[in-house]
Amino acid sequence: MITIKILSNVKFRNLFRVPAFLFLIISCFILSILIYKTKLKINKLHYYISEQRKSCLNELSSYLVSNFKTIVIENLNVVGMLKNRKLSKSIMDAGFGMFKVMMDYKSMLYGNKLIYANTFYPSSKTCSNCGNIKKDLTINDRIYKCDICGFEADRDLNASYNLKKLATGYSDSINDNGV
């Protein structure tokens, strides 16, 4: 009879009570599992994005090399461009180095001519009509206006005309599509 009386005095919840340190260990273990699963999901997303970037660059380089005999690429100062904090993340995601390597080996494979424009070649600052170099052109000027001949064009289009002239100076065999 005594044992029954003792058991009835002990509250039921105390029989299955988990000590505080054991609860802390279990909660940390569960939390670490959740963190691991989240990190695994993030790594899968990064892998998926990198594979998409490789695929896109591969398709673009294959298209360019298969359709054009002579290709001009500007040799950009990527390290200097990364100093701009607003553009640095986008520049790193673009994969300029990977694209350059793909273009290099594919142009050798197809027998095409790949020309690198000098890092400091003023393709955007040079007028494609008269050859005047505009010193005060900033990154915000999206339309190139020549002070001497009055030529107006989009900045990137003007740069592409100048790169085409650079390629023409190197090679006479440019196909009908342009550079």
Foldseek 3Di string as FASTA:
>chain_A
DVVVVVVVPDDPCVVPDDDPVVVVVVVVVVVVVVVVVVVVVVVVVVVVLVVVLLVVLLVVLVVPLVPKQEEEAEPEPLVVVCVPVVCNVVSVSNCPVSSVVSNVVSCVVSVGHYHYDYHPDPLLQAALPPGDGHPPDDPPPQWDADPPPGDIDGSVVSSVSSRLVVVVVVDVDIDPVGD
